[in-house]
Amino acid sequence: MIKVSDHARQKAIQLMTEDGFDPAEDYIRVGVKSGGCSGLEYVLGFDNKKNETDQIFEDNNIKIIIEKKSMLYLAGTVLEYSGGLNGKGFVFNNPNAARTCGCGESFSL
C-alpha cells in the first residue's frame, strides 16, 4: 500500500522515540483531507490507537495506519524524508497525483 524509504524509516524511528512513541508497537498515521492549494492535503502523525475504519500496513519495519477513505488516494505512495535546501520533512511520492503544489503538501487527482 505505502512504501517507506530507508531514510524515512530512520527519521520516523527517531521522531517517534523523541515524542514518546514505541516504533515497534505504534503507528505512523497517514491520511488525506480536503485543503491545501491543490485541493487535497496530506496528513501525517504518530498514533498508538486503531479505529474501526483503519487499515494497518507495514513496510521497512514501520507500521502505517490509514483510514479507509484515504486509501484510494494513497495506493502506491512512497514515504520519503528530505533534508534538502527547500526544507526538511517527510515527502509523499504519490503516483496517483495528477498535480502537486510547490511545497509538496497538497495534490489533486
N, C-alpha and C. Protein backbone atom coordinates (compact mmCIF):
# COMPACT_ATOMS: atom_id res chain seq x y z
N MET A 1 0.82 -1.19 0.00
CA MET A 1 0.00 0.00 0.00
C MET A 1 0.86 1.25 0.00
N ILE A 2 1.59 1.50 1.10
CA ILE A 2 2.54 2.61 1.18
C ILE A 2 3.91 2.02 1.48
N LYS A 3 4.88 2.46 0.74
CA LYS A 3 6.27 2.04 0.97
C LYS A 3 6.97 3.11 1.79
N VAL A 4 7.96 2.71 2.58
CA VAL A 4 8.73 3.62 3.41
C VAL A 4 10.20 3.49 3.02
N SER A 5 10.80 4.59 2.59
CA SER A 5 12.22 4.56 2.21
C SER A 5 13.07 4.35 3.46
N ASP A 6 14.32 3.95 3.27
CA ASP A 6 15.23 3.73 4.40
C ASP A 6 15.43 5.01 5.20
N HIS A 7 15.63 6.13 4.51
CA HIS A 7 15.86 7.40 5.20
C HIS A 7 14.61 7.82 5.99
N ALA A 8 13.42 7.62 5.42
CA ALA A 8 12.17 7.94 6.13
C ALA A 8 12.01 7.03 7.34
N ARG A 9 12.38 5.76 7.21
CA ARG A 9 12.30 4.83 8.35
C ARG A 9 13.18 5.30 9.49
N GLN A 10 14.42 5.65 9.18
CA GLN A 10 15.34 6.10 10.22
C GLN A 10 14.82 7.34 10.93
N LYS A 11 14.31 8.30 10.15
CA LYS A 11 13.81 9.55 10.73
C LYS A 11 12.53 9.30 11.53
N ALA A 12 11.67 8.43 11.04
CA ALA A 12 10.43 8.11 11.75
C ALA A 12 10.74 7.48 13.10
N ILE A 13 11.67 6.55 13.13
CA ILE A 13 12.05 5.91 14.40
C ILE A 13 12.58 6.94 15.37
N GLN A 14 13.44 7.84 14.89
CA GLN A 14 14.00 8.88 15.74
C GLN A 14 12.90 9.79 16.30
N LEU A 15 12.03 10.28 15.43
CA LEU A 15 10.99 11.22 15.86
C LEU A 15 9.94 10.56 16.75
N MET A 16 9.58 9.31 16.43
CA MET A 16 8.62 8.60 17.27
C MET A 16 9.17 8.43 18.68
N THR A 17 10.42 8.05 18.78
CA THR A 17 11.06 7.85 20.08
C THR A 17 11.11 9.17 20.85
N GLU A 18 11.49 10.25 20.16
CA GLU A 18 11.54 11.56 20.82
C GLU A 18 10.17 12.01 21.32
N ASP A 19 9.11 11.61 20.62
CA ASP A 19 7.75 12.00 21.01
C ASP A 19 7.08 11.01 21.97
N GLY A 20 7.84 10.01 22.43
CA GLY A 20 7.30 9.08 23.42
C GLY A 20 6.54 7.90 22.83
N PHE A 21 6.68 7.66 21.55
CA PHE A 21 6.03 6.52 20.91
C PHE A 21 7.05 5.39 20.76
N ASP A 22 6.56 4.17 20.70
CA ASP A 22 7.40 2.99 20.51
C ASP A 22 7.31 2.56 19.05
N PRO A 23 8.37 2.77 18.27
CA PRO A 23 8.32 2.43 16.84
C PRO A 23 8.01 0.95 16.57
N ALA A 24 8.26 0.08 17.52
CA ALA A 24 7.98 -1.34 17.33
C ALA A 24 6.49 -1.65 17.51
N GLU A 25 5.77 -0.80 18.24
CA GLU A 25 4.37 -1.05 18.55
C GLU A 25 3.41 -0.03 17.97
N ASP A 26 3.83 1.23 17.88
CA ASP A 26 2.94 2.32 17.48
C ASP A 26 3.00 2.56 15.97
N TYR A 27 2.20 3.51 15.50
CA TYR A 27 1.97 3.69 14.07
C TYR A 27 2.32 5.10 13.59
N ILE A 28 2.58 5.18 12.30
CA ILE A 28 2.53 6.45 11.61
C ILE A 28 1.15 6.50 10.98
N ARG A 29 0.38 7.51 11.34
CA ARG A 29 -0.96 7.67 10.76
C ARG A 29 -0.84 8.59 9.55
N VAL A 30 -1.28 8.08 8.40
CA VAL A 30 -1.23 8.83 7.15
C VAL A 30 -2.65 8.96 6.63
N GLY A 31 -2.98 10.14 6.13
CA GLY A 31 -4.31 10.36 5.60
C GLY A 31 -4.34 11.48 4.59
N VAL A 32 -5.53 11.73 4.10
CA VAL A 32 -5.78 12.79 3.12
C VAL A 32 -7.02 13.54 3.58
N LYS A 33 -6.98 14.86 3.48
CA LYS A 33 -8.16 15.67 3.79
C LYS A 33 -8.28 16.78 2.75
N SER A 34 -9.45 17.36 2.66
CA SER A 34 -9.67 18.48 1.76
C SER A 34 -8.87 19.67 2.25
N GLY A 35 -8.25 20.39 1.29
CA GLY A 35 -7.49 21.57 1.66
C GLY A 35 -6.23 21.70 0.84
N GLY A 36 -5.40 22.62 1.22
CA GLY A 36 -4.16 22.87 0.50
C GLY A 36 -4.42 23.59 -0.80
N CYS A 37 -3.39 24.03 -1.44
CA CYS A 37 -3.54 24.82 -2.66
C CYS A 37 -3.90 23.97 -3.88
N SER A 38 -3.81 22.65 -3.78
CA SER A 38 -4.15 21.79 -4.92
C SER A 38 -5.45 21.03 -4.71
N GLY A 39 -6.10 21.18 -3.56
CA GLY A 39 -7.40 20.54 -3.34
C GLY A 39 -7.42 19.46 -2.28
N LEU A 40 -6.37 18.66 -2.21
CA LEU A 40 -6.26 17.61 -1.19
C LEU A 40 -4.94 17.79 -0.46
N GLU A 41 -4.95 17.50 0.83
CA GLU A 41 -3.77 17.73 1.65
C GLU A 41 -3.41 16.46 2.41
N TYR A 42 -2.12 16.17 2.48
CA TYR A 42 -1.65 15.01 3.24
C TYR A 42 -1.69 15.32 4.73
N VAL A 43 -1.97 14.28 5.52
CA VAL A 43 -1.95 14.37 6.97
C VAL A 43 -1.02 13.25 7.46
N LEU A 44 -0.12 13.60 8.37
CA LEU A 44 0.82 12.62 8.89
C LEU A 44 1.04 12.89 10.37
N GLY A 45 1.03 11.85 11.17
CA GLY A 45 1.28 11.98 12.60
C GLY A 45 1.55 10.61 13.19
N PHE A 46 1.80 10.58 14.48
CA PHE A 46 2.04 9.33 15.19
C PHE A 46 0.81 8.99 16.01
N ASP A 47 0.55 7.69 16.17
CA ASP A 47 -0.64 7.27 16.89
C ASP A 47 -0.37 5.91 17.54
N ASN A 48 -1.10 5.65 18.62
CA ASN A 48 -1.00 4.33 19.27
C ASN A 48 -2.36 3.66 19.39
N LYS A 49 -3.35 4.22 18.66
CA LYS A 49 -4.71 3.66 18.69
C LYS A 49 -5.18 3.35 17.27
N LYS A 50 -5.94 2.26 17.15
CA LYS A 50 -6.53 1.87 15.87
C LYS A 50 -8.03 2.04 15.97
N ASN A 51 -8.61 2.70 14.98
CA ASN A 51 -10.06 2.87 14.90
C ASN A 51 -10.66 1.77 14.02
N GLU A 52 -11.98 1.62 14.08
CA GLU A 52 -12.67 0.60 13.28
C GLU A 52 -12.46 0.78 11.79
N THR A 53 -12.34 2.01 11.35
CA THR A 53 -12.22 2.29 9.91
C THR A 53 -10.78 2.35 9.43
N ASP A 54 -9.84 1.92 10.25
CA ASP A 54 -8.42 1.96 9.89
C ASP A 54 -7.93 0.64 9.29
N GLN A 55 -6.96 0.76 8.41
CA GLN A 55 -6.24 -0.38 7.88
C GLN A 55 -4.78 -0.23 8.29
N ILE A 56 -4.14 -1.32 8.65
CA ILE A 56 -2.74 -1.29 9.06
C ILE A 56 -1.89 -1.97 8.00
N PHE A 57 -0.79 -1.33 7.65
CA PHE A 57 0.19 -1.86 6.70
C PHE A 57 1.55 -1.76 7.36
N GLU A 58 2.48 -2.58 6.92
CA GLU A 58 3.84 -2.49 7.43
C GLU A 58 4.81 -2.57 6.27
N ASP A 59 5.78 -1.66 6.28
CA ASP A 59 6.85 -1.69 5.29
C ASP A 59 8.13 -1.20 5.96
N ASN A 60 9.21 -1.87 5.69
CA ASN A 60 10.52 -1.47 6.20
C ASN A 60 10.49 -1.33 7.73
N ASN A 61 9.77 -2.24 8.38
CA ASN A 61 9.64 -2.30 9.84
C ASN A 61 8.95 -1.07 10.44
N ILE A 62 8.14 -0.39 9.65
CA ILE A 62 7.34 0.74 10.12
C ILE A 62 5.87 0.39 9.92
N LYS A 63 5.08 0.54 10.98
CA LYS A 63 3.65 0.28 10.89
C LYS A 63 2.95 1.57 10.48
N ILE A 64 2.12 1.47 9.46
CA ILE A 64 1.39 2.62 8.95
C ILE A 64 -0.09 2.33 9.09
N ILE A 65 -0.82 3.31 9.57
CA ILE A 65 -2.26 3.17 9.74
C ILE A 65 -2.94 4.22 8.86
N ILE A 66 -3.94 3.75 8.10
CA ILE A 66 -4.63 4.63 7.16
C ILE A 66 -6.13 4.41 7.32
N GLU A 67 -6.86 5.51 7.45
CA GLU A 67 -8.31 5.41 7.47
C GLU A 67 -8.78 4.98 6.07
N LYS A 68 -9.77 4.10 6.01
CA LYS A 68 -10.21 3.52 4.74
C LYS A 68 -10.49 4.55 3.66
N LYS A 69 -11.09 5.69 4.01
CA LYS A 69 -11.46 6.67 2.99
C LYS A 69 -10.24 7.32 2.33
N SER A 70 -9.07 7.23 2.94
CA SER A 70 -7.85 7.81 2.36
C SER A 70 -7.08 6.82 1.49
N MET A 71 -7.43 5.54 1.57
CA MET A 71 -6.64 4.50 0.90
C MET A 71 -6.60 4.68 -0.62
N LEU A 72 -7.71 5.05 -1.22
CA LEU A 72 -7.76 5.22 -2.67
C LEU A 72 -6.76 6.26 -3.15
N TYR A 73 -6.59 7.32 -2.38
CA TYR A 73 -5.69 8.40 -2.76
C TYR A 73 -4.21 8.06 -2.55
N LEU A 74 -3.93 7.09 -1.69
CA LEU A 74 -2.56 6.84 -1.27
C LEU A 74 -1.95 5.55 -1.82
N ALA A 75 -2.70 4.78 -2.57
CA ALA A 75 -2.20 3.49 -3.09
C ALA A 75 -0.92 3.71 -3.90
N GLY A 76 0.12 2.99 -3.55
CA GLY A 76 1.38 3.06 -4.29
C GLY A 76 2.31 4.19 -3.86
N THR A 77 1.92 4.96 -2.86
CA THR A 77 2.74 6.10 -2.41
C THR A 77 3.99 5.61 -1.70
N VAL A 78 5.07 6.36 -1.88
CA VAL A 78 6.32 6.11 -1.16
C VAL A 78 6.55 7.27 -0.21
N LEU A 79 6.72 6.96 1.06
CA LEU A 79 7.03 7.98 2.05
C LEU A 79 8.54 8.14 2.11
N GLU A 80 9.00 9.35 1.83
CA GLU A 80 10.43 9.66 1.82
C GLU A 80 10.69 10.72 2.88
N TYR A 81 11.96 10.96 3.16
CA TYR A 81 12.34 12.07 4.03
C TYR A 81 13.39 12.88 3.31
N SER A 82 13.16 14.19 3.26
CA SER A 82 14.08 15.09 2.56
C SER A 82 14.70 16.06 3.55
N GLY A 83 15.98 16.21 3.48
CA GLY A 83 16.67 17.17 4.33
C GLY A 83 17.36 18.23 3.49
N GLY A 84 16.83 18.49 2.30
CA GLY A 84 17.46 19.40 1.34
C GLY A 84 17.29 20.86 1.67
N LEU A 85 17.73 21.70 0.76
CA LEU A 85 17.71 23.14 0.94
C LEU A 85 16.30 23.72 0.98
N ASN A 86 15.34 23.04 0.40
CA ASN A 86 13.96 23.52 0.39
C ASN A 86 13.21 23.19 1.68
N GLY A 87 13.93 22.85 2.68
CA GLY A 87 13.30 22.47 3.95
C GLY A 87 13.42 20.99 4.15
N LYS A 88 13.14 20.56 5.36
CA LYS A 88 13.22 19.13 5.60
C LYS A 88 11.93 18.63 6.19
N GLY A 89 11.66 17.40 5.89
CA GLY A 89 10.45 16.78 6.38
C GLY A 89 10.09 15.58 5.52
N PHE A 90 8.97 14.96 5.87
CA PHE A 90 8.50 13.81 5.14
C PHE A 90 7.88 14.27 3.82
N VAL A 91 8.12 13.49 2.78
CA VAL A 91 7.65 13.80 1.43
C VAL A 91 6.88 12.60 0.92
N PHE A 92 5.74 12.87 0.28
CA PHE A 92 4.92 11.82 -0.31
C PHE A 92 5.17 11.77 -1.81
N ASN A 93 5.68 10.66 -2.30
CA ASN A 93 5.81 10.45 -3.75
C ASN A 93 4.61 9.60 -4.16
N ASN A 94 3.58 10.29 -4.66
CA ASN A 94 2.29 9.68 -4.90
C ASN A 94 2.05 9.54 -6.41
N PRO A 95 2.00 8.30 -6.92
CA PRO A 95 1.77 8.11 -8.36
C PRO A 95 0.35 8.47 -8.80
N ASN A 96 -0.57 8.65 -7.86
CA ASN A 96 -1.95 9.00 -8.18
C ASN A 96 -2.15 10.49 -8.38
N ALA A 97 -1.20 11.29 -7.94
CA ALA A 97 -1.34 12.74 -8.00
C ALA A 97 -1.11 13.24 -9.42
N ALA A 98 -2.13 13.89 -9.98
CA ALA A 98 -2.01 14.48 -11.31
C ALA A 98 -1.29 15.82 -11.23
N ARG A 99 -1.42 16.50 -10.09
CA ARG A 99 -0.80 17.80 -9.90
C ARG A 99 -0.47 17.96 -8.43
N THR A 100 0.68 18.53 -8.13
CA THR A 100 1.07 18.82 -6.76
C THR A 100 1.43 20.29 -6.64
N CYS A 101 1.37 20.79 -5.41
CA CYS A 101 1.75 22.19 -5.20
C CYS A 101 3.26 22.27 -5.06
N GLY A 102 3.79 23.47 -5.03
CA GLY A 102 5.24 23.67 -4.94
C GLY A 102 5.85 23.12 -3.67
N CYS A 103 5.10 23.16 -2.57
CA CYS A 103 5.66 22.69 -1.29
C CYS A 103 5.52 21.18 -1.13
N GLY A 104 4.72 20.53 -1.98
CA GLY A 104 4.56 19.09 -1.91
C GLY A 104 3.62 18.60 -0.84
N GLU A 105 2.90 19.50 -0.18
CA GLU A 105 2.00 19.10 0.90
C GLU A 105 0.57 18.88 0.43
N SER A 106 0.26 19.27 -0.82
CA SER A 106 -1.09 19.04 -1.32
C SER A 106 -1.02 18.55 -2.76
N PHE A 107 -2.15 17.99 -3.21
CA PHE A 107 -2.18 17.41 -4.56
C PHE A 107 -3.61 17.36 -5.05
N SER A 108 -3.75 17.04 -6.32
CA SER A 108 -5.07 16.78 -6.89
C SER A 108 -4.97 15.56 -7.78
N LEU A 109 -6.10 14.94 -8.04
CA LEU A 109 -6.14 13.74 -8.87
C LEU A 109 -6.50 14.08 -10.29
